[in-house]
N, C-alpha and C. Protein backbone atom coordinates (compact mmCIF):
# COMPACT_ATOMS: atom_id res chain seq x y z
N MET A 1 2.38 8.80 -17.00
CA MET A 1 2.63 8.38 -15.58
C MET A 1 2.53 6.98 -15.41
N SER A 2 3.91 6.04 -15.39
CA SER A 2 3.90 4.93 -15.55
C SER A 2 3.34 4.11 -14.06
N ALA A 3 2.65 2.98 -14.34
CA ALA A 3 2.28 2.23 -13.09
C ALA A 3 3.41 1.37 -12.62
N GLN A 4 4.40 1.26 -13.05
CA GLN A 4 5.62 0.45 -12.74
C GLN A 4 6.95 0.98 -12.76
N PHE A 5 7.60 1.15 -11.69
CA PHE A 5 8.97 1.74 -11.70
C PHE A 5 9.87 0.65 -12.46
N PRO A 6 10.68 1.15 -13.20
CA PRO A 6 11.55 0.20 -13.91
C PRO A 6 12.55 -0.68 -13.22
N ASP A 7 12.56 -1.93 -13.57
CA ASP A 7 13.32 -2.86 -12.68
C ASP A 7 14.94 -2.52 -12.81
N VAL A 8 15.20 -2.02 -13.67
CA VAL A 8 16.61 -1.70 -13.71
C VAL A 8 16.97 -0.66 -12.79
N LEU A 9 16.19 0.24 -12.43
CA LEU A 9 16.40 1.20 -11.58
C LEU A 9 16.32 0.96 -10.10
N ARG A 10 15.53 -0.02 -9.87
CA ARG A 10 15.01 -0.44 -8.39
C ARG A 10 16.43 -0.48 -7.48
N PRO A 11 17.38 -1.25 -7.85
CA PRO A 11 18.58 -1.25 -6.94
C PRO A 11 19.15 0.04 -6.73
N LEU A 12 19.12 0.81 -7.49
CA LEU A 12 19.68 2.22 -7.01
C LEU A 12 19.09 2.98 -5.94
N MET A 13 17.86 2.46 -5.42
CA MET A 13 17.26 3.12 -4.29
C MET A 13 17.39 2.37 -3.11
N GLY A 14 18.37 1.39 -3.08
CA GLY A 14 18.60 0.80 -1.73
C GLY A 14 17.94 -0.47 -1.75
N LYS A 15 18.02 -1.21 -0.74
CA LYS A 15 17.55 -2.54 -0.42
C LYS A 15 16.09 -2.37 0.11
N LEU A 16 15.16 -2.39 -0.87
CA LEU A 16 13.83 -2.06 -0.46
C LEU A 16 12.95 -3.27 -1.14
N ILE A 17 11.76 -3.53 -0.60
CA ILE A 17 11.05 -4.66 -1.17
C ILE A 17 10.26 -4.21 -2.27
N TRP A 18 10.25 -4.44 -3.59
CA TRP A 18 9.45 -4.08 -4.66
C TRP A 18 8.45 -5.20 -5.15
N ARG A 19 9.17 -6.46 -5.03
CA ARG A 19 8.29 -7.61 -5.40
C ARG A 19 8.56 -8.67 -4.75
N LYS A 20 7.73 -9.68 -4.65
CA LYS A 20 8.03 -10.91 -3.87
C LYS A 20 8.55 -11.93 -4.94
N ASP A 21 8.40 -13.15 -4.51
CA ASP A 21 9.04 -14.50 -5.30
C ASP A 21 8.44 -14.30 -6.74
N PRO A 22 9.25 -14.29 -7.82
CA PRO A 22 8.76 -14.28 -9.13
C PRO A 22 8.57 -15.60 -9.74
N SER A 23 8.83 -16.70 -8.71
CA SER A 23 8.56 -18.09 -9.23
C SER A 23 7.20 -18.53 -8.85
N GLU A 24 6.56 -17.57 -8.07
CA GLU A 24 5.20 -18.12 -7.45
C GLU A 24 3.98 -17.06 -8.04
N LYS A 25 3.11 -17.72 -8.40
CA LYS A 25 2.02 -16.85 -8.98
C LYS A 25 1.08 -16.32 -7.97
N VAL A 26 1.73 -15.28 -7.36
CA VAL A 26 0.98 -14.78 -6.23
C VAL A 26 0.81 -13.20 -6.44
N ILE A 27 -0.24 -12.63 -6.11
CA ILE A 27 -0.56 -11.21 -5.92
C ILE A 27 -0.63 -10.74 -4.57
N TYR A 28 0.12 -9.62 -4.27
CA TYR A 28 0.01 -8.99 -2.83
C TYR A 28 -0.65 -7.71 -2.89
N LEU A 29 -1.88 -7.68 -2.35
CA LEU A 29 -2.63 -6.44 -2.30
C LEU A 29 -2.23 -5.42 -1.15
N THR A 30 -2.06 -4.15 -1.31
CA THR A 30 -1.67 -3.36 -0.35
C THR A 30 -2.68 -2.09 -0.50
N PHE A 31 -2.97 -1.42 0.46
CA PHE A 31 -3.63 -0.31 0.62
C PHE A 31 -3.04 0.68 1.38
N ASP A 32 -2.90 2.04 0.90
CA ASP A 32 -2.29 3.17 1.62
C ASP A 32 -3.29 4.18 2.01
N ASP A 33 -2.89 5.05 3.10
CA ASP A 33 -3.41 6.32 3.32
C ASP A 33 -4.61 6.27 4.32
N GLY A 34 -5.11 5.14 4.66
CA GLY A 34 -6.42 5.09 5.58
C GLY A 34 -5.74 4.97 7.03
N PRO A 35 -6.61 4.52 7.78
CA PRO A 35 -8.03 4.18 7.54
C PRO A 35 -9.09 5.46 7.81
N VAL A 36 -9.98 5.16 6.97
CA VAL A 36 -11.04 6.38 6.95
C VAL A 36 -12.42 5.69 6.96
N PRO A 37 -13.17 6.10 7.65
CA PRO A 37 -14.54 5.35 7.74
C PRO A 37 -15.33 5.54 6.46
N GLU A 38 -15.12 6.54 5.60
CA GLU A 38 -15.93 6.63 4.38
C GLU A 38 -15.46 5.60 3.38
N VAL A 39 -14.45 4.98 3.61
CA VAL A 39 -13.82 3.99 2.43
C VAL A 39 -13.32 2.66 3.02
N THR A 40 -12.57 2.65 4.06
CA THR A 40 -11.84 1.54 4.44
C THR A 40 -12.95 0.27 4.75
N PRO A 41 -13.92 0.61 5.49
CA PRO A 41 -14.92 -0.63 5.67
C PRO A 41 -15.44 -1.12 4.35
N GLN A 42 -15.72 -0.36 3.30
CA GLN A 42 -16.24 -0.88 2.14
C GLN A 42 -15.11 -1.63 1.36
N VAL A 43 -13.96 -1.22 1.47
CA VAL A 43 -12.68 -2.04 0.88
C VAL A 43 -12.53 -3.35 1.59
N LEU A 44 -12.81 -3.40 3.02
CA LEU A 44 -12.78 -4.52 3.77
C LEU A 44 -13.96 -5.49 3.47
N ASP A 45 -15.06 -5.07 3.17
CA ASP A 45 -16.19 -5.77 2.63
C ASP A 45 -15.91 -6.52 1.35
N ILE A 46 -15.29 -5.68 0.32
CA ILE A 46 -14.88 -6.23 -0.97
C ILE A 46 -13.97 -7.54 -0.79
N LEU A 47 -12.88 -7.20 -0.02
CA LEU A 47 -11.98 -8.42 0.27
C LEU A 47 -12.70 -9.57 1.10
N ASP A 48 -13.66 -9.19 2.08
CA ASP A 48 -14.31 -10.38 2.57
C ASP A 48 -15.05 -11.16 1.56
N LYS A 49 -15.69 -10.32 0.65
CA LYS A 49 -16.52 -11.16 -0.29
C LYS A 49 -15.57 -12.20 -1.23
N TYR A 50 -14.44 -11.91 -1.47
CA TYR A 50 -13.54 -12.78 -2.19
C TYR A 50 -12.57 -13.63 -1.30
N LYS A 51 -12.78 -13.34 0.08
CA LYS A 51 -12.05 -13.97 1.00
C LYS A 51 -10.54 -13.90 0.84
N LEU A 52 -10.20 -12.59 0.97
CA LEU A 52 -8.75 -12.31 0.59
C LEU A 52 -8.22 -11.50 1.77
N LYS A 53 -6.91 -11.55 1.87
CA LYS A 53 -6.43 -10.69 3.03
C LYS A 53 -5.57 -9.85 2.26
N ALA A 54 -5.32 -8.65 2.96
CA ALA A 54 -4.20 -7.67 2.36
C ALA A 54 -3.38 -6.86 3.61
N THR A 55 -2.62 -5.99 3.01
CA THR A 55 -1.76 -5.27 3.96
C THR A 55 -2.12 -3.85 3.91
N PHE A 56 -2.27 -3.22 4.91
CA PHE A 56 -2.86 -1.88 4.98
C PHE A 56 -1.80 -0.92 5.47
N PHE A 57 -1.14 0.08 4.74
CA PHE A 57 -0.32 1.08 5.26
C PHE A 57 -0.83 2.20 5.78
N CYS A 58 -0.89 2.46 7.03
CA CYS A 58 -1.86 3.31 7.60
C CYS A 58 -1.05 4.61 8.17
N VAL A 59 -1.85 5.79 8.03
CA VAL A 59 -1.45 7.07 8.36
C VAL A 59 -1.55 7.10 9.79
N GLY A 60 -0.76 7.40 10.76
CA GLY A 60 -0.88 7.38 12.24
C GLY A 60 -1.94 8.18 12.70
N GLU A 61 -2.11 9.51 11.95
CA GLU A 61 -3.15 10.38 12.51
C GLU A 61 -4.55 9.83 12.18
N ASN A 62 -4.66 8.96 11.12
CA ASN A 62 -6.09 8.53 10.82
C ASN A 62 -6.36 7.30 11.81
N VAL A 63 -5.28 6.66 12.28
CA VAL A 63 -5.62 5.72 13.18
C VAL A 63 -5.91 6.27 14.47
N GLN A 64 -5.21 7.27 14.84
CA GLN A 64 -5.76 7.99 15.97
C GLN A 64 -7.13 8.58 16.12
N LYS A 65 -7.45 9.06 14.86
CA LYS A 65 -8.96 9.54 14.68
C LYS A 65 -10.00 8.53 14.54
N TYR A 66 -9.71 7.42 14.01
CA TYR A 66 -10.59 6.39 13.91
C TYR A 66 -10.01 4.95 14.54
N PRO A 67 -9.92 4.84 15.67
CA PRO A 67 -9.26 3.45 16.16
C PRO A 67 -10.28 2.32 15.99
N GLU A 68 -11.49 2.60 15.83
CA GLU A 68 -12.40 1.56 15.73
C GLU A 68 -12.34 0.98 14.17
N VAL A 69 -11.91 1.86 13.11
CA VAL A 69 -11.71 1.38 11.99
C VAL A 69 -10.34 0.67 11.81
N TYR A 70 -9.39 1.16 12.40
CA TYR A 70 -8.22 0.37 12.48
C TYR A 70 -8.47 -1.05 13.13
N ALA A 71 -9.01 -1.06 14.27
CA ALA A 71 -9.18 -2.25 14.84
C ALA A 71 -10.01 -3.15 13.95
N ASP A 72 -10.88 -2.87 13.15
CA ASP A 72 -11.69 -3.47 12.36
C ASP A 72 -10.69 -4.25 11.16
N ILE A 73 -9.88 -3.56 10.81
CA ILE A 73 -8.80 -4.14 9.86
C ILE A 73 -8.09 -5.33 10.47
N LEU A 74 -7.70 -5.26 11.72
CA LEU A 74 -6.84 -6.26 12.39
C LEU A 74 -7.88 -7.34 12.65
N GLN A 75 -9.21 -7.16 12.95
CA GLN A 75 -10.11 -8.12 13.49
C GLN A 75 -10.59 -8.85 12.19
N ARG A 76 -10.40 -8.28 11.07
CA ARG A 76 -10.75 -9.16 9.89
C ARG A 76 -9.62 -9.94 9.26
N GLY A 77 -8.54 -9.91 9.97
CA GLY A 77 -7.41 -10.72 9.80
C GLY A 77 -6.24 -10.21 8.66
N HIS A 78 -6.38 -8.89 8.48
CA HIS A 78 -5.46 -8.08 7.63
C HIS A 78 -4.27 -7.81 8.43
N ARG A 79 -3.10 -7.50 7.70
CA ARG A 79 -1.99 -7.05 8.25
C ARG A 79 -1.92 -5.53 8.07
N THR A 80 -1.14 -4.77 9.02
CA THR A 80 -0.87 -3.43 8.86
C THR A 80 0.67 -2.93 8.80
N GLY A 81 0.78 -1.69 8.19
CA GLY A 81 2.33 -1.11 8.14
C GLY A 81 2.13 0.29 8.48
N ASN A 82 3.26 0.91 8.78
CA ASN A 82 3.45 2.21 9.19
C ASN A 82 3.60 2.96 7.77
N HIS A 83 2.81 4.25 7.75
CA HIS A 83 2.89 5.18 6.50
C HIS A 83 3.17 6.58 6.76
N THR A 84 3.89 6.61 8.20
CA THR A 84 4.21 7.97 8.87
C THR A 84 2.80 8.49 9.54
N PHE A 85 3.02 9.46 10.48
CA PHE A 85 1.92 9.93 11.03
C PHE A 85 1.08 10.96 10.43
N ASN A 86 1.84 11.64 9.63
CA ASN A 86 1.24 12.81 8.91
C ASN A 86 1.32 12.70 7.36
N HIS A 87 1.63 11.46 6.92
CA HIS A 87 1.67 11.39 5.31
C HIS A 87 2.93 12.31 4.90
N LEU A 88 4.11 12.21 5.45
CA LEU A 88 5.08 13.21 5.16
C LEU A 88 5.76 13.01 3.75
N LYS A 89 6.20 13.91 2.98
CA LYS A 89 7.14 13.95 1.93
C LYS A 89 8.59 13.89 2.42
N GLY A 90 9.17 12.71 2.40
CA GLY A 90 10.56 12.78 2.72
C GLY A 90 11.49 13.76 2.21
N PHE A 91 11.32 14.09 0.91
CA PHE A 91 12.38 14.95 0.48
C PHE A 91 12.31 16.39 0.94
N SER A 92 11.05 16.59 1.46
CA SER A 92 10.86 17.91 1.95
C SER A 92 10.91 18.13 3.54
N THR A 93 11.31 17.08 4.17
CA THR A 93 11.29 17.12 5.55
C THR A 93 12.65 16.61 6.07
N SER A 94 13.11 17.14 7.23
CA SER A 94 14.37 16.95 7.86
C SER A 94 14.38 15.45 8.17
N THR A 95 15.57 14.88 8.27
CA THR A 95 15.76 13.40 8.69
C THR A 95 15.14 13.18 10.04
N ALA A 96 15.54 14.15 10.94
CA ALA A 96 15.11 13.87 12.24
C ALA A 96 13.57 14.06 12.57
N ASP A 97 13.07 15.03 11.72
CA ASP A 97 11.58 15.09 11.82
C ASP A 97 10.79 13.97 11.07
N TYR A 98 11.57 13.30 10.14
CA TYR A 98 10.75 12.37 9.53
C TYR A 98 10.75 11.11 10.36
N VAL A 99 12.09 10.86 10.82
CA VAL A 99 12.19 9.50 11.62
C VAL A 99 11.22 9.65 12.97
N GLU A 100 11.31 10.89 13.42
CA GLU A 100 10.39 11.04 14.77
C GLU A 100 8.83 10.95 14.33
N ASN A 101 8.54 11.36 13.20
CA ASN A 101 7.06 11.12 12.67
C ASN A 101 6.82 9.63 12.44
N VAL A 102 7.73 8.96 11.87
CA VAL A 102 7.58 7.42 11.78
C VAL A 102 7.33 6.85 13.17
N ARG A 103 8.26 7.13 14.18
CA ARG A 103 8.13 6.76 15.46
C ARG A 103 6.80 7.18 16.13
N LYS A 104 6.34 8.26 16.08
CA LYS A 104 5.10 8.69 16.54
C LYS A 104 3.84 7.97 16.06
N ALA A 105 4.01 7.70 14.65
CA ALA A 105 2.83 6.59 14.05
C ALA A 105 3.04 5.29 14.63
N SER A 106 4.21 4.84 15.19
CA SER A 106 4.29 3.62 15.67
C SER A 106 3.70 3.24 17.05
N GLU A 107 3.38 4.39 17.73
CA GLU A 107 2.69 4.34 18.89
C GLU A 107 1.32 3.90 18.73
N PHE A 108 0.77 3.98 17.47
CA PHE A 108 -0.52 3.67 16.95
C PHE A 108 -0.56 2.49 16.11
N ILE A 109 0.50 2.10 15.54
CA ILE A 109 0.54 1.01 14.50
C ILE A 109 1.68 0.00 14.87
N ASP A 110 1.20 -1.08 15.35
CA ASP A 110 2.41 -2.04 15.87
C ASP A 110 2.65 -2.86 14.72
N SER A 111 3.67 -2.64 13.87
CA SER A 111 4.00 -3.48 12.73
C SER A 111 5.64 -3.07 12.39
N ASN A 112 6.35 -4.09 11.79
CA ASN A 112 7.63 -4.00 11.42
C ASN A 112 7.82 -3.38 9.88
N LEU A 113 6.57 -3.18 9.30
CA LEU A 113 6.58 -2.77 7.99
C LEU A 113 6.38 -1.22 7.79
N PHE A 114 7.21 -0.73 6.86
CA PHE A 114 7.00 0.67 6.44
C PHE A 114 6.98 0.88 5.06
N ARG A 115 6.21 1.82 4.65
CA ARG A 115 5.96 2.16 3.39
C ARG A 115 6.31 3.97 3.29
N PRO A 116 7.05 4.39 2.66
CA PRO A 116 7.24 5.98 2.41
C PRO A 116 6.04 6.52 1.66
N PRO A 117 5.28 7.46 2.16
CA PRO A 117 4.46 8.18 1.32
C PRO A 117 5.15 8.78 0.15
N TYR A 118 4.18 8.54 -0.96
CA TYR A 118 4.77 8.97 -2.28
C TYR A 118 5.82 8.21 -2.76
N GLY A 119 6.32 7.16 -2.00
CA GLY A 119 7.41 6.44 -2.48
C GLY A 119 8.83 7.16 -2.40
N ARG A 120 8.85 8.38 -1.70
CA ARG A 120 9.89 9.22 -1.64
C ARG A 120 10.51 9.46 -0.27
N PHE A 121 11.87 9.09 -0.14
CA PHE A 121 12.45 9.35 1.13
C PHE A 121 13.86 9.43 0.80
N THR A 122 14.77 10.00 1.73
CA THR A 122 16.16 10.17 1.48
C THR A 122 16.79 8.97 1.91
N PHE A 123 18.10 8.87 1.26
CA PHE A 123 18.91 7.61 1.63
C PHE A 123 19.23 7.61 3.20
N ARG A 124 19.40 8.92 3.66
CA ARG A 124 19.71 8.84 5.19
C ARG A 124 18.53 8.53 5.92
N GLN A 125 17.31 8.81 5.50
CA GLN A 125 15.97 8.58 6.43
C GLN A 125 15.87 7.18 6.07
N GLN A 126 16.05 6.56 5.01
CA GLN A 126 16.00 5.04 4.87
C GLN A 126 17.00 4.18 5.69
N ARG A 127 18.26 4.80 5.75
CA ARG A 127 19.17 4.13 6.60
C ARG A 127 18.80 4.02 8.00
N LEU A 128 18.16 5.12 8.52
CA LEU A 128 17.90 5.10 10.02
C LEU A 128 16.72 4.18 10.21
N LEU A 129 15.89 4.09 9.25
CA LEU A 129 14.62 3.24 9.45
C LEU A 129 14.78 1.83 9.23
N LYS A 130 15.68 1.41 8.62
CA LYS A 130 15.77 0.04 7.85
C LYS A 130 16.00 -0.81 8.96
N SER A 131 16.87 -0.48 10.28
CA SER A 131 17.09 -1.35 11.29
C SER A 131 15.87 -1.69 12.08
N ASP A 132 14.83 -1.01 12.12
CA ASP A 132 13.48 -1.33 12.49
C ASP A 132 12.30 -1.76 11.74
N TYR A 133 12.79 -1.52 10.53
CA TYR A 133 11.45 -1.91 9.42
C TYR A 133 11.97 -2.49 8.18
N GLU A 134 10.91 -3.51 7.75
CA GLU A 134 11.05 -3.93 6.43
C GLU A 134 10.57 -2.77 5.62
N ILE A 135 11.10 -2.30 4.61
CA ILE A 135 10.70 -1.08 3.74
C ILE A 135 10.04 -1.70 2.42
N VAL A 136 8.93 -1.25 2.21
CA VAL A 136 8.07 -1.94 1.20
C VAL A 136 7.72 -0.80 0.37
N MET A 137 7.96 -1.17 -0.97
CA MET A 137 7.67 -0.17 -2.07
C MET A 137 6.55 -0.94 -2.85
N TRP A 138 6.51 -0.95 -4.23
CA TRP A 138 5.50 -1.60 -4.82
C TRP A 138 6.02 -1.99 -6.23
N ASP A 139 5.47 -2.81 -6.84
CA ASP A 139 5.45 -3.33 -8.34
C ASP A 139 4.56 -2.81 -9.09
N ILE A 140 3.24 -2.51 -8.76
CA ILE A 140 2.32 -1.83 -9.42
C ILE A 140 1.47 -0.88 -8.62
N ILE A 141 1.58 0.49 -9.04
CA ILE A 141 0.56 1.48 -8.56
C ILE A 141 -0.44 1.82 -9.41
N THR A 142 -1.83 1.67 -8.92
CA THR A 142 -2.86 1.75 -9.68
C THR A 142 -3.15 3.15 -10.09
N HIS A 143 -2.65 4.15 -9.33
CA HIS A 143 -3.04 5.48 -9.57
C HIS A 143 -4.72 5.91 -9.40
N ASP A 144 -5.28 5.04 -8.41
CA ASP A 144 -6.55 5.24 -8.20
C ASP A 144 -6.75 6.63 -7.28
N TYR A 145 -5.75 7.09 -6.82
CA TYR A 145 -6.04 8.66 -6.21
C TYR A 145 -6.13 9.65 -7.10
N ASN A 146 -5.86 9.46 -8.51
CA ASN A 146 -5.74 10.46 -9.58
C ASN A 146 -7.12 10.41 -10.27
N LYS A 147 -7.81 11.63 -10.18
CA LYS A 147 -9.19 11.81 -10.73
C LYS A 147 -9.07 11.69 -12.22
N ASN A 148 -7.84 11.78 -12.90
CA ASN A 148 -7.78 11.63 -14.35
C ASN A 148 -7.58 10.15 -14.69
N PHE A 149 -7.49 9.20 -13.89
CA PHE A 149 -7.61 7.86 -14.26
C PHE A 149 -8.98 7.29 -14.08
N SER A 150 -9.55 6.74 -15.16
CA SER A 150 -10.77 6.21 -14.86
C SER A 150 -10.65 4.59 -14.71
N THR A 151 -11.73 3.98 -14.17
CA THR A 151 -11.74 2.75 -13.68
C THR A 151 -11.06 1.81 -14.74
N GLU A 152 -11.49 2.08 -16.15
CA GLU A 152 -10.91 1.35 -17.18
C GLU A 152 -9.57 1.41 -17.39
N ALA A 153 -8.96 2.50 -16.93
CA ALA A 153 -7.64 2.81 -17.25
C ALA A 153 -6.65 2.17 -16.22
N ILE A 154 -7.26 2.15 -14.98
CA ILE A 154 -6.72 1.32 -13.84
C ILE A 154 -6.64 -0.08 -14.04
N LEU A 155 -7.81 -0.61 -14.75
CA LEU A 155 -7.82 -2.09 -14.96
C LEU A 155 -6.91 -2.40 -16.26
N ARG A 156 -6.65 -1.60 -17.06
CA ARG A 156 -5.76 -1.77 -18.16
C ARG A 156 -4.21 -1.75 -17.60
N ASN A 157 -3.93 -1.08 -16.65
CA ASN A 157 -2.70 -1.08 -16.12
C ASN A 157 -2.60 -2.40 -15.39
N VAL A 158 -3.46 -2.67 -14.45
CA VAL A 158 -3.35 -4.20 -13.93
C VAL A 158 -3.26 -5.34 -14.63
N LYS A 159 -4.09 -5.28 -15.78
CA LYS A 159 -3.64 -6.31 -16.82
C LYS A 159 -2.30 -6.30 -17.60
N ARG A 160 -1.94 -4.98 -17.83
CA ARG A 160 -0.54 -4.98 -18.52
C ARG A 160 0.65 -5.39 -17.66
N TYR A 161 0.53 -4.97 -16.31
CA TYR A 161 1.84 -5.03 -15.59
C TYR A 161 1.79 -6.20 -14.48
N SER A 162 0.74 -6.85 -14.21
CA SER A 162 0.75 -8.04 -13.10
C SER A 162 1.67 -8.96 -13.62
N ARG A 163 2.16 -9.57 -12.75
CA ARG A 163 3.25 -10.54 -12.87
C ARG A 163 3.16 -11.36 -11.69
N ASN A 164 4.19 -12.57 -11.55
CA ASN A 164 4.28 -13.34 -10.38
C ASN A 164 4.90 -12.37 -9.33
N GLY A 165 4.53 -12.37 -8.13
CA GLY A 165 4.89 -11.67 -6.99
C GLY A 165 4.72 -10.05 -6.90
N SER A 166 3.95 -9.62 -7.88
CA SER A 166 3.38 -8.23 -7.74
C SER A 166 2.89 -7.67 -6.51
N LEU A 167 3.46 -6.83 -5.79
CA LEU A 167 2.89 -5.84 -4.83
C LEU A 167 2.18 -4.80 -5.40
N VAL A 168 0.86 -4.65 -5.14
CA VAL A 168 -0.27 -3.90 -6.02
C VAL A 168 -0.61 -2.83 -4.82
N VAL A 169 -0.59 -1.59 -5.19
CA VAL A 169 -1.13 -0.45 -4.48
C VAL A 169 -2.41 0.10 -4.85
N PHE A 170 -3.35 -0.01 -3.92
CA PHE A 170 -4.52 0.76 -4.05
C PHE A 170 -4.57 1.74 -2.86
N HIS A 171 -5.58 2.64 -2.64
CA HIS A 171 -5.65 3.53 -1.64
C HIS A 171 -7.02 3.41 -0.94
N ASP A 172 -7.14 3.37 0.24
CA ASP A 172 -8.35 3.35 1.11
C ASP A 172 -8.42 4.83 1.56
N SER A 173 -8.63 5.91 0.75
CA SER A 173 -8.57 7.18 0.95
C SER A 173 -9.74 7.88 0.19
N ILE A 174 -10.26 8.98 0.88
CA ILE A 174 -11.42 9.71 0.33
C ILE A 174 -11.18 10.13 -0.97
N LYS A 175 -10.09 10.48 -1.52
CA LYS A 175 -9.64 10.94 -2.84
C LYS A 175 -9.78 9.78 -3.77
N ALA A 176 -9.52 8.64 -3.27
CA ALA A 176 -9.50 7.38 -4.32
C ALA A 176 -10.88 6.62 -4.29
N LYS A 177 -11.66 7.10 -3.47
CA LYS A 177 -12.88 6.40 -3.28
C LYS A 177 -13.62 5.77 -4.15
N ASP A 178 -14.22 6.45 -5.16
CA ASP A 178 -14.90 5.99 -6.18
C ASP A 178 -14.20 5.00 -7.14
N ARG A 179 -12.78 5.30 -7.25
CA ARG A 179 -12.05 4.43 -8.25
C ARG A 179 -11.60 3.25 -7.62
N VAL A 180 -11.26 3.18 -6.31
CA VAL A 180 -10.90 1.95 -5.71
C VAL A 180 -12.08 1.03 -5.50
N LEU A 181 -13.22 1.58 -5.24
CA LEU A 181 -14.33 0.75 -4.89
C LEU A 181 -14.88 0.08 -6.33
N SER A 182 -14.81 0.80 -7.50
CA SER A 182 -15.03 0.17 -8.58
C SER A 182 -13.99 -0.56 -9.27
N ALA A 183 -12.61 -0.18 -9.13
CA ALA A 183 -11.76 -0.92 -9.85
C ALA A 183 -11.11 -2.22 -9.17
N LEU A 184 -11.24 -2.22 -7.79
CA LEU A 184 -10.72 -3.35 -6.91
C LEU A 184 -11.44 -4.71 -7.34
N PRO A 185 -12.76 -4.65 -7.32
CA PRO A 185 -13.35 -5.93 -7.70
C PRO A 185 -13.30 -6.52 -8.91
N LEU A 186 -12.98 -5.49 -9.95
CA LEU A 186 -12.59 -5.92 -11.33
C LEU A 186 -11.20 -6.46 -11.35
N ALA A 187 -10.55 -5.96 -10.81
CA ALA A 187 -8.94 -6.44 -10.81
C ALA A 187 -8.81 -7.92 -10.11
N ILE A 188 -9.46 -8.03 -9.08
CA ILE A 188 -9.67 -9.42 -8.45
C ILE A 188 -10.17 -10.40 -9.22
N GLU A 189 -11.34 -10.08 -10.01
CA GLU A 189 -11.85 -10.97 -10.85
C GLU A 189 -10.85 -11.32 -11.95
N PHE A 190 -10.18 -10.37 -12.48
CA PHE A 190 -9.03 -10.51 -13.48
C PHE A 190 -8.00 -11.53 -12.90
N TRP A 191 -7.31 -11.31 -11.88
CA TRP A 191 -6.44 -12.12 -11.23
C TRP A 191 -6.84 -13.50 -11.06
N ASN A 192 -8.14 -13.61 -10.52
CA ASN A 192 -8.64 -15.02 -10.25
C ASN A 192 -8.71 -15.81 -11.74
N ALA A 193 -9.18 -15.10 -12.69
CA ALA A 193 -9.39 -15.65 -13.88
C ALA A 193 -7.98 -16.06 -14.54
N GLU A 194 -7.11 -15.31 -14.10
CA GLU A 194 -5.64 -15.76 -14.61
C GLU A 194 -4.97 -16.70 -13.63
N GLY A 195 -5.68 -17.23 -12.63
CA GLY A 195 -4.85 -18.12 -11.88
C GLY A 195 -4.04 -17.70 -10.64
N TYR A 196 -4.06 -16.38 -10.43
CA TYR A 196 -3.31 -16.08 -9.22
C TYR A 196 -3.69 -16.46 -8.03
N GLN A 197 -2.99 -16.51 -7.06
CA GLN A 197 -3.23 -16.63 -5.70
C GLN A 197 -3.01 -15.40 -4.99
N PHE A 198 -3.29 -15.06 -3.92
CA PHE A 198 -3.11 -13.74 -3.03
C PHE A 198 -2.42 -14.28 -1.91
N GLY A 199 -1.27 -13.40 -1.65
CA GLY A 199 -0.54 -13.43 -0.34
C GLY A 199 -0.69 -12.12 0.39
N VAL A 200 -0.02 -12.27 1.63
CA VAL A 200 -0.03 -10.99 2.75
C VAL A 200 1.43 -10.95 3.00
N LEU A 201 1.82 -9.79 3.01
CA LEU A 201 3.19 -9.36 3.42
C LEU A 201 3.63 -9.76 4.82
């Protein structure tokens, strides 16, 4: 299970944002699937400790359930993006239902950024959304949601694949809790030691 989608295949998926300026030594931290009170506040505390800002791609249903956690993300100076209302799989959802679900999420998430859950949606879904959203994918996915990935394995992937302009995906979800909270500080320490700066989408 690769942490990086091949560069040569990325253009085949349409005009999506995978990586930022390769001439600038900047990492872009992103977090998917929150907010949840069991994890998101602790992730925010880690970012505060290192004085970093990030982008949180939020599930609308979670924002509806935990508005105070979502408000905390914004209050601490981070950016948010739309990750559908119910974390839908685009390939198994009709285009009309998928787009409607994104629009439902937008009632709770005021952002022009969108990331498809699982990184999967159809070209038709993409075409209908791109007039309203910048569609953001990733350069590195940490697999912190996968119980078979140890903290050490996550860090190895971070060290192997990090490069100028990398968009990195962690998850502020219950499934990822133990791994994101242990791996995130170590990854930040690595990037700091390598001289990376940190940007926000």
